[in-house]
Every structure is written in C-alpha cells, then in structure tokens.
Protein backbone atom coordinates (compact mmCIF):
# COMPACT_ATOMS: atom_id res chain seq x y z
CA MET A 1 61.83 146.11 99.74
CA THR A 2 60.08 143.15 101.30
CA ASN A 3 57.45 140.57 100.50
CA GLN A 4 56.07 139.74 103.94
CA PRO A 5 52.55 138.34 103.48
CA MET A 6 50.90 140.35 106.23
CA THR A 7 52.00 143.64 104.72
CA ASN A 8 49.86 142.85 101.72
CA GLN A 9 46.85 144.63 103.19
CA PRO A 10 44.41 146.59 101.02
CA MET A 11 45.92 149.97 100.22
CA THR A 12 43.30 152.01 98.42
CA ASN A 13 43.61 155.49 96.98
CA GLN A 14 41.62 156.86 99.89
CA PRO A 15 43.67 158.87 102.39
CA MET A 16 44.96 156.72 105.23
CA THR A 17 43.64 157.44 108.68
CA ASN A 18 45.77 159.62 110.94
CA ARG A 19 44.33 158.42 114.24
CA GLN A 20 46.28 159.59 117.27
CA PRO A 21 48.38 157.09 119.24
CA SER A 22 47.67 156.88 122.94
CA ASP A 23 51.08 158.07 124.04
CA GLY A 24 53.79 160.46 122.97
CA PRO A 25 53.67 164.02 121.70
CA THR A 26 51.51 164.99 118.73
CA THR A 27 53.68 167.90 117.64
CA ASN A 28 57.34 168.56 116.87
CA GLN A 29 57.81 165.18 115.28
CA PRO A 30 60.46 164.47 112.63
CA LEU A 31 59.57 164.94 108.98
CA VAL A 32 59.51 161.78 106.85
CA ALA A 33 59.85 161.23 103.11
CA LEU A 34 59.53 158.01 101.12
CA TRP A 35 62.29 157.12 98.64
CA GLY A 36 60.50 154.41 96.67
CA ALA A 37 56.75 153.90 96.42
CA GLY A 38 56.36 150.11 96.18
CA MET A 39 54.06 148.04 98.34
CA ILE A 40 56.14 148.17 101.51
CA SER A 41 56.29 151.98 101.40
CA GLY A 42 52.62 151.91 102.35
CA ALA A 43 53.48 150.23 105.66
CA HIS A 44 56.16 152.80 106.46
CA GLY A 45 53.85 155.62 105.42
CA ALA A 46 50.99 154.34 107.55
CA ALA A 47 53.32 154.04 110.53
CA ALA A 48 54.56 157.60 110.07
CA ARG A 49 51.02 158.99 109.86
CA PHE A 50 49.89 157.11 112.97
CA LEU A 51 52.88 158.52 114.84
CA ASP A 52 52.05 162.03 113.63
CA MET A 53 55.23 162.26 111.58
CA PRO A 54 54.39 164.41 108.53
CA ILE A 55 55.20 162.82 105.18
CA THR A 56 56.59 165.67 103.14
CA ALA A 57 57.16 163.83 99.85
CA VAL A 58 56.96 160.51 98.02
CA ALA A 59 59.52 159.78 95.30
CA SER A 60 59.50 156.90 92.84
CA ARG A 61 60.91 155.78 89.51
CA THR A 62 57.51 156.49 87.93
CA ALA A 63 55.25 159.49 88.39
CA GLU A 64 52.21 157.21 88.49
CA ARG A 65 53.49 155.18 91.43
CA ALA A 66 54.63 158.26 93.34
CA THR A 67 51.29 159.97 92.77
CA GLU A 68 49.31 156.91 93.88
CA ARG A 69 51.21 156.55 97.15
CA ALA A 70 51.30 160.31 97.79
CA THR A 71 47.52 160.48 97.33
CA GLN A 72 47.01 157.68 99.84
CA LEU A 73 49.23 159.43 102.37
CA GLN A 74 48.04 162.99 101.66
CA SER A 75 51.54 163.95 100.60
CA VAL A 76 53.27 165.30 97.50
CA ALA A 77 54.69 163.25 94.62
CA VAL A 78 58.21 164.23 93.55
CA THR A 79 61.11 162.80 91.60
CA TYR A 80 64.21 161.44 93.32
CA ASN A 81 66.23 164.46 92.23
CA GLN A 82 63.59 166.86 93.54
CA LEU A 83 63.58 165.21 96.94
CA HIS A 84 67.37 165.14 97.05
CA ASP A 85 67.49 168.86 96.19
CA ARG A 86 64.97 169.65 98.92
CA LEU A 87 67.25 167.99 101.44
CA HIS A 88 70.13 170.16 100.28
CA ASP A 89 67.99 173.31 100.38
CA ARG A 90 67.10 172.96 104.05
CA LEU A 91 68.74 175.11 106.70
CA PRO A 92 72.18 173.87 107.83
CA GLY A 93 72.47 171.21 110.49
CA GLY A 94 69.73 168.72 109.66
CA ALA A 95 70.32 166.33 112.54
CA ASP A 96 70.68 169.15 115.04
CA GLN A 97 67.40 170.65 113.82
CA LEU A 98 65.68 167.35 114.51
CA HIS A 99 67.17 167.20 118.01
CA ASP A 100 66.06 170.78 118.68
CA ARG A 101 62.56 170.27 117.31
CA LEU A 102 62.02 167.19 119.48
CA HIS A 103 63.55 168.55 122.68
CA ASP A 104 63.13 172.31 122.50
CA ARG A 105 59.81 172.38 120.61
CA LEU A 106 60.94 174.75 117.90
CA PRO A 107 58.31 175.75 115.29
CA GLY A 108 57.68 173.36 112.43
CA GLY A 109 55.84 170.57 114.17
CA ALA A 110 53.36 168.04 112.85
CA ASP A 111 50.29 170.24 113.31
CA ARG A 112 50.82 171.93 109.94
CA PRO A 113 49.54 170.39 106.70
CA ALA A 114 52.20 168.73 104.55
CA THR A 115 51.74 171.35 101.83
CA GLN A 116 52.91 174.05 104.27
CA LEU A 117 55.96 172.19 105.55
CA PRO A 118 59.45 173.13 104.39
CA GLY A 119 60.97 170.97 101.69
CA GLY A 120 63.01 167.93 102.59
CA ALA A 121 62.80 165.54 105.51
CA ASP A 122 64.60 164.47 108.66
CA ILE A 123 64.09 160.76 107.93
CA VAL A 124 63.96 159.22 104.46
CA VAL A 125 62.68 155.66 104.07
CA VAL A 126 64.56 153.88 101.28
CA SER A 127 62.60 151.02 99.70
CA THR A 128 64.09 150.89 96.23
CA PRO A 129 65.36 147.58 94.72
CA PRO A 130 68.27 146.13 96.73
CA HIS A 131 70.95 146.86 94.12
CA LEU A 132 70.18 150.58 94.58
CA HIS A 133 70.17 150.59 98.38
CA ALA A 134 73.81 151.46 98.96
CA ALA A 135 74.03 154.29 96.42
CA ASP A 136 70.68 155.74 97.50
CA THR A 137 71.58 155.65 101.19
CA LEU A 138 75.03 157.18 100.71
CA ARG A 139 73.49 159.96 98.61
CA LEU A 140 70.85 160.72 101.23
CA LEU A 141 73.28 160.65 104.15
CA ASP A 142 75.52 163.12 102.36
CA ALA A 143 72.47 165.34 101.80
CA GLY A 144 71.84 165.44 105.56
CA ALA A 145 69.02 162.94 106.01
CA ALA A 146 68.74 160.05 108.41
CA VAL A 147 67.75 156.85 106.62
CA VAL A 148 65.47 153.90 107.27
CA LEU A 149 66.88 151.31 104.87
CA GLU A 150 64.66 148.44 103.83
CA LYS A 151 65.98 144.91 103.78
CA PRO A 152 67.91 143.27 102.26
CA LEU A 153 70.64 145.73 103.24
CA CYS A 154 72.26 145.68 99.78
CA THR A 155 73.47 143.13 97.25
CA THR A 156 77.19 142.79 98.05
CA LEU A 157 79.30 142.77 101.17
CA ALA A 158 81.54 145.41 99.60
CA ASP A 159 78.55 147.74 99.54
CA ALA A 160 77.67 146.68 103.08
CA ASP A 161 81.16 147.63 104.21
CA ALA A 162 80.70 151.06 102.61
CA LEU A 163 77.37 151.50 104.39
CA VAL A 164 78.86 150.57 107.77
CA ALA A 165 81.66 153.09 107.24
CA ALA A 166 79.22 155.80 106.13
CA ALA A 167 76.93 155.17 109.09
CA ARG A 168 79.91 155.60 111.41
CA THR A 169 80.82 158.87 109.70
CA HIS A 170 77.22 160.11 109.92
CA ARG A 171 76.73 159.30 113.62
CA GLU A 172 74.92 155.99 113.02
CA ARG A 173 71.91 157.74 111.49
CA VAL A 174 70.82 154.67 109.51
CA LEU A 175 68.32 152.08 110.67
CA TYR A 176 68.33 148.63 109.03
CA ALA A 177 64.61 147.96 108.65
CA GLU A 178 64.32 144.50 110.16
CA ASN A 179 60.86 145.29 111.41
CA LEU A 180 60.36 141.94 113.15
CA ALA A 181 63.03 142.93 115.67
CA TYR A 182 60.55 145.56 116.88
CA ALA A 183 57.42 143.37 116.64
CA PRO A 184 55.80 142.93 120.08
CA VAL A 185 55.48 139.16 119.62
CA VAL A 186 59.23 138.91 118.95
CA THR A 187 60.38 141.30 121.68
CA THR A 188 58.15 139.47 124.18
CA MET A 189 59.62 136.12 123.13
CA LEU A 190 63.19 137.42 123.35
CA ALA A 191 62.55 138.62 126.89
CA MET A 192 61.48 135.08 127.84
CA VAL A 193 64.15 133.05 126.02
CA GLY A 194 66.72 133.27 128.80
CA ASP A 195 64.36 131.46 131.17
CA LEU A 196 64.37 128.36 128.96
CA GLY A 197 67.97 127.56 129.76
CA VAL A 198 70.27 125.98 127.19
CA LEU A 199 68.48 125.61 123.84
CA ASN A 200 68.51 122.28 122.05
CA HIS A 201 66.19 123.29 119.21
CA LEU A 202 65.79 126.46 117.15
CA GLU A 203 63.76 126.63 113.95
CA VAL A 204 62.36 129.64 112.09
CA ARG A 205 60.30 129.32 108.92
CA ALA A 206 58.95 131.75 106.33
CA LEU A 207 56.93 129.90 103.70
CA GLN A 208 54.68 131.60 101.18
CA ALA A 209 53.79 131.76 97.51
CA LEU A 210 56.06 133.37 94.93
CA PRO A 211 55.26 137.12 94.81
CA THR A 212 53.18 138.18 91.82
CA TRP A 213 54.62 141.70 91.86
CA GLY A 214 58.08 143.21 91.72
CA GLU A 215 61.33 141.87 90.29
CA PHE A 216 62.22 139.43 93.07
CA THR A 217 63.44 136.66 90.74
CA SER A 218 65.47 138.87 88.40
CA ASP A 219 69.25 138.52 88.31
CA ALA A 220 69.58 142.20 89.18
CA TRP A 221 67.74 141.65 92.48
CA GLY A 222 70.77 139.76 93.78
CA GLY A 223 69.09 136.64 95.14
CA GLY A 224 65.74 135.01 95.70
CA ALA A 225 63.82 133.38 98.53
CA LEU A 226 66.76 133.32 100.95
CA PHE A 227 68.23 136.72 100.09
CA ASP A 228 64.94 138.64 100.08
CA LEU A 229 62.47 136.70 102.21
CA GLY A 230 64.95 134.72 104.29
CA VAL A 231 66.62 137.67 105.95
CA HIS A 232 63.59 137.91 108.27
CA PRO A 233 63.80 134.38 109.73
CA LEU A 234 67.59 134.61 109.79
CA ALA A 235 67.39 137.78 111.88
CA VAL A 236 64.92 136.22 114.31
CA ALA A 237 67.14 133.14 114.61
CA VAL A 238 70.25 135.24 115.31
CA LEU A 239 68.45 137.38 117.89
CA SER A 240 66.91 134.34 119.58
CA ALA A 241 70.23 132.52 119.87
CA ALA A 242 71.89 135.63 121.27
CA ALA A 243 69.14 136.08 123.85
CA ALA A 244 69.55 132.43 124.87
CA GLY A 245 73.30 132.79 125.31
CA ALA A 246 74.16 130.56 122.33
CA GLY A 247 76.47 133.20 120.87
CA PRO A 248 76.89 134.26 117.24
CA VAL A 249 76.69 132.16 114.08
CA THR A 250 80.08 130.62 113.33
CA SER A 251 79.27 128.58 110.22
CA VAL A 252 76.43 127.81 107.83
CA SER A 253 75.35 125.01 105.53
CA CYS A 254 72.67 125.56 102.89
CA ARG A 255 70.80 123.90 100.06
CA LEU A 256 68.87 125.94 97.50
CA THR A 257 66.25 124.97 94.94
CA GLY A 258 65.49 127.08 91.88
CA GLY A 259 62.25 127.63 90.02
CA PRO A 260 60.97 127.71 86.46
CA GLY A 261 61.69 130.65 84.18
CA HIS A 262 64.40 132.33 86.25
CA ASN A 263 67.88 131.81 87.69
CA SER A 264 67.04 132.59 91.29
CA ASP A 265 66.25 130.41 94.30
CA GLN A 266 62.68 129.65 95.37
CA HIS A 267 63.37 127.40 98.35
CA ALA A 268 66.17 127.46 100.91
CA GLU A 269 67.05 125.27 103.88
CA VAL A 270 69.82 126.59 106.09
CA ALA A 271 71.64 125.08 109.06
CA LEU A 272 73.21 127.67 111.38
CA THR A 273 75.91 126.57 113.80
CA PHE A 274 76.28 128.88 116.79
CA ARG A 275 79.29 129.29 119.05
CA SER A 276 77.66 127.16 121.77
CA GLY A 277 77.33 124.23 119.37
CA LEU A 278 73.60 124.74 118.88
CA VAL A 279 72.52 124.06 115.30
CA GLY A 280 69.48 126.06 114.27
CA ARG A 281 67.37 125.64 111.17
CA VAL A 282 65.91 128.31 108.90
CA ILE A 283 63.59 127.52 106.00
CA SER A 284 62.65 130.23 103.54
CA SER A 285 60.45 129.37 100.58
CA TRP A 286 58.33 130.79 97.79
CA ASP A 287 56.98 127.30 97.04
CA ALA A 288 54.22 127.31 99.67
CA GLY A 289 50.48 127.47 99.04
CA PRO A 290 48.15 130.45 99.31
CA ASP A 291 48.24 130.50 103.14
CA PRO A 292 51.65 131.64 104.43
CA VAL A 293 53.41 129.84 107.26
CA TRP A 294 55.66 132.04 109.36
CA ASP A 295 56.65 130.57 112.71
CA VAL A 296 59.38 130.24 115.34
CA GLN A 297 60.04 127.37 117.75
CA LEU A 298 62.65 127.39 120.50
CA SER A 299 63.02 124.62 123.04
CA SER A 300 65.20 123.36 125.84
CA PRO A 301 64.87 120.43 128.24
CA THR A 302 62.71 122.65 130.44
CA GLY A 303 60.42 124.53 128.06
CA VAL A 304 59.17 125.58 124.64
CA LEU A 305 58.43 128.96 123.10
CA ARG A 306 56.48 129.14 119.85
CA ILE A 307 55.43 132.05 117.64
CA GLU A 308 52.84 131.90 114.88
CA PHE A 309 52.84 135.05 112.73
CA TRP A 310 49.90 134.11 110.50
CA PRO A 311 47.01 134.93 110.38
CA GLN A 312 47.61 136.90 113.61
CA PRO A 313 50.77 136.92 115.72
CA THR A 314 50.52 134.61 118.73
CA LEU A 315 53.04 133.42 121.30
CA GLU A 316 52.88 130.26 123.42
CA HIS A 317 55.00 129.15 126.35
CA ASN A 318 54.76 125.41 126.98
CA GLY A 319 51.50 125.40 125.05
CA ASP A 320 49.91 128.21 127.02
CA PRO A 321 49.13 131.52 125.29
CA VAL A 322 51.22 134.52 126.30
CA ARG A 323 49.42 137.83 126.45
CA LEU A 324 50.69 140.40 123.95
CA PRO A 325 50.18 144.19 124.01
CA SER A 326 46.85 145.43 122.74
CA VAL A 327 46.81 146.76 119.19
CA THR A 328 46.04 150.47 118.86
CA ALA A 329 46.76 151.13 115.18
CA PRO A 330 43.87 151.12 112.67
CA LEU A 331 46.00 148.93 110.39
CA PRO A 332 46.98 146.22 112.92
CA PHE A 333 49.89 144.77 110.95
CA ILE A 334 51.97 147.97 111.13
CA GLU A 335 52.01 147.56 114.90
CA GLN A 336 52.03 143.77 115.13
CA LEU A 337 54.94 143.43 112.69
CA GLY A 338 57.03 146.20 114.19
CA TYR A 339 56.73 149.06 111.69
CA LEU A 340 55.45 151.42 114.38
CA GLY A 341 58.05 150.33 116.89
CA GLN A 342 61.02 150.71 114.57
CA LEU A 343 60.10 154.19 113.35
CA LYS A 344 59.28 155.44 116.85
CA SER A 345 62.51 153.97 118.20
CA PHE A 346 64.54 155.50 115.39
CA ALA A 347 63.14 158.96 116.08
CA THR A 348 64.17 158.55 119.71
CA ASP A 349 67.62 157.29 118.69
CA LEU A 350 68.13 160.34 116.48
CA ALA A 351 67.02 162.74 119.18
CA GLU A 352 69.35 161.14 121.73
CA GLY A 353 72.27 160.52 119.37
CA ALA A 354 72.03 156.77 119.99
CA THR A 355 72.86 153.88 117.66
CA PRO A 356 69.70 152.06 116.49
CA PHE A 357 69.09 148.55 117.82
CA MET A 358 68.88 147.43 114.19
CA ASP A 359 71.90 149.19 112.76
CA VAL A 360 73.66 148.61 109.45
CA ALA A 361 76.25 146.43 111.18
CA PHE A 362 73.48 143.98 112.00
CA GLY A 363 72.29 144.17 108.40
CA ARG A 364 75.82 143.36 107.26
CA LEU A 365 75.94 140.38 109.65
CA ILE A 366 72.78 138.98 108.08
CA LEU A 367 74.23 139.51 104.60
CA ASP A 368 77.43 137.75 105.74
CA ILE A 369 75.29 134.74 106.66
CA VAL A 370 73.35 134.95 103.39
CA CYS A 371 76.50 135.09 101.25
CA ALA A 372 78.02 132.16 103.13
CA ALA A 373 74.78 130.23 102.60
CA TYR A 374 74.73 130.81 98.84
CA GLN A 375 78.39 129.83 98.64
CA SER A 376 77.59 126.68 100.61
CA ALA A 377 74.74 125.83 98.24
CA ARG A 378 77.12 126.09 95.30
CA PHE A 379 79.18 123.31 96.88
CA ASP A 380 76.25 121.03 97.82
CA GLY A 381 75.83 122.21 101.37
CA ALA A 382 79.47 122.37 102.41
CA SER A 383 80.09 124.24 105.65
CA GLU A 384 81.09 127.89 105.19
CA PRO A 385 82.47 130.12 107.95
CA VAL A 386 80.74 133.24 109.20
CA PRO A 387 81.77 136.02 108.73
CA PHE A 388 82.00 135.18 105.04
CA THR A 389 85.54 134.80 103.73
CA GLY A 390 84.80 134.78 99.99
CA ASP A 391 84.48 137.44 97.32
CA ARG A 392 82.77 140.49 98.82
CA THR A 393 82.02 142.02 95.41
CA LYS A 394 79.66 139.20 94.35
CA THR A 395 75.91 139.11 94.88
CA PRO A 396 74.47 136.03 96.61
CA LEU A 397 73.08 134.84 93.28
CA GLN A 398 76.51 135.15 91.65
CA LEU A 399 78.07 133.20 94.50
CA TRP A 400 75.54 130.39 94.03
CA HIS A 401 76.09 130.15 90.30
CA GLY A 402 79.84 130.74 90.42
CA ASN A 403 79.66 133.80 88.19
C-alpha cells in the first residue's frame, strides 16, 4: 500500500472512464485482478482500464470494500480464496498464454466484457498490508500469476530474500511497484543527470500530514514514515545517484522521531553515503501541514536539476522549466506518477520474458537501506553499512526499538 498525496483523488462509485490511449493495441491485453481494495488499488485499477487491460476481479478482506472498488471498475467482487482458485482453474501455462495472446492474438482479448472473461488473471496487483505481501505474492506466483507488488516490499529482509528467490524461480514475473521510477518527470530527470557532472548535493523530500486512513502507525505495519512513505524518496535518491555515476549506497545514518498514541516513527532524516563519497539527504515526514511537499534537488558545480511533485509535477534545469510529455489519461495522476508506465512496461516485460526495471531485488535494496536506517536511529544516528548486516527477521520498527 502507499500514502502518496496525489493518489488521493476523488474515487466515486461511478464507473471509471475507459478512454482509449493514443498508442498500443486495444485488444489481446493481459487480464488484471486486484488483490486488496484499499485506496491505492484505485490507481492501479484506473491504469489498467485506461490501458484496456480487463479487470476480472477485485478481492479484499471485506465484501464491502471489494464491492465498492469492483463497482467503480466495472468488475466482480470476490474473496481472496475465490480469486486464488480461479487462477488455479485456468488452462495450463499461464505465462505462455499471456505471451501468445499478446503476440499471436489468440481469442480472449480486451474487447469482451469482464463478466464474459474466463476466471483468473495474468497479472495480480497486491496491495494488502505490508506484513502480508510476501505470503500473498508467493501464493499467487505458485498459482501461475504475475504480480505487481505494492511498496513497501515486505516487512523483513528474510521475507525479501524469499521473494527474490521466488522471483528467480518464476522467471522474474514480479514487479516492485515503485511507481515514481516510471513517472515521466523522474525518467526525464534521470536522463539529464549525467550532464550535470559530479554531484555535490542530493536531497529528496516527502513531507505530508499523517494519513487519516489505514493502519500505517500500527506495530503490525512494520514501520512508519520512513518505512512506508520514505521508500519513495529513497528510491528516487538511489536512482539519481546511480544515473550520476555516484554508485550504490554504502552506509546510512538516520534519526527518527515518534508521534503521540503509537510506537511508530512520524519523521525521519536520513543521510546516505554513496560509493563516490557523495552524501545525500532524504527527509520523510508525516508531520507536515495540509499541503504536501514532495521534491528533488540535484546539483553539481555546473548545474541544478529540481523536481516539484506537488500540486503538479514540474522539472527545472538551472531554473528553466523542462518540457514534460503531455498528459493523456483522464485521471492525470495515474500517468504523471507512473502508474500507467509501470503497468504498461510490466506487460511488455512479461510478453518478452524480460526482468522488470523495478524488480524485487531493487525492492530488497530499498528495504536493506530502511533496515539499516532504523538500526542507526536506535543508536542515535550511528553509521550502519548497506547492505544491512543485522537481524534479517526483524521489522524496521523492531530494529528501532530493539525488540
């Protein structure tokens, strides 16, 4: 699950528009199902509909939530077990069927209403609470589905290791849903970073109010503002440094601040040391006001790149605006924040047998950094190596509190 502010768009019970994109085929698309019907499932569902990927089913812990989201997406509400059984009941060779349907145009394309489609799905989007991510994904992979797995990847590095191994066994048919990696404003910036030369400043911030929905501050969630919200700015920082030639993160120092009425963190400040010696800064907070602040600033002696995500994504180079691709989706945020790009790319990856750009190994890397940061915070900001060398069975919150 996620709590990005710009995904909090009005989602009414009226069916979402299925306007055609300007490129790509409108038939023979993969079938999609939603495993979890929380707020972020609406973004994934809207992206699937815009890409003409039929949504065959919506599953949730509660019938009410599944029915609400299914009604919005003109799909069918089911239980988790029903959706799992539908995957098992499909004809043998799920991944090969998807390849054939995309390349050979076999019957069963997106021009049929969802009620007439066979049970199951080619791609299942998992957006359950993080402590369920690993078990849910392993179950779905074994049933033959490809999986889009919401961030955070999972709650422990032991589970992350299991996911990396399972993805390898299942031909890398899991996408780690770091949507910002597919956002046009980020991909455009990454293409320009190399021209700046050697970076001397890197800062990424995600500041917003504490979510009023979900269980983000519960102990079971695994962590707070850094674990859940902070994985987005951490990912952008890691990708930016790599694009600039600064290398991977080698160590981390972190300070966390809690909040009233819970044991989790509401504010995090992280220093990332990269192989080149560059020290980047990531701030992730639920202590901000009503107007979110999400931004990126990269600079060198010869130039500056700056992203503002809110209220609309913008990119500047040395103070001058950089033109971004025109928005074609009726819900702009699904395109601007990368939900369209990641789902479209994943369908292509599956058809070509390619490893996704955002694979579970990248998700594990981010969790390595997160766990090292929480361990650092436990010891007043002491430097911790990355990859993390501590207990891989502990959640970030347990590492912080020494449980």
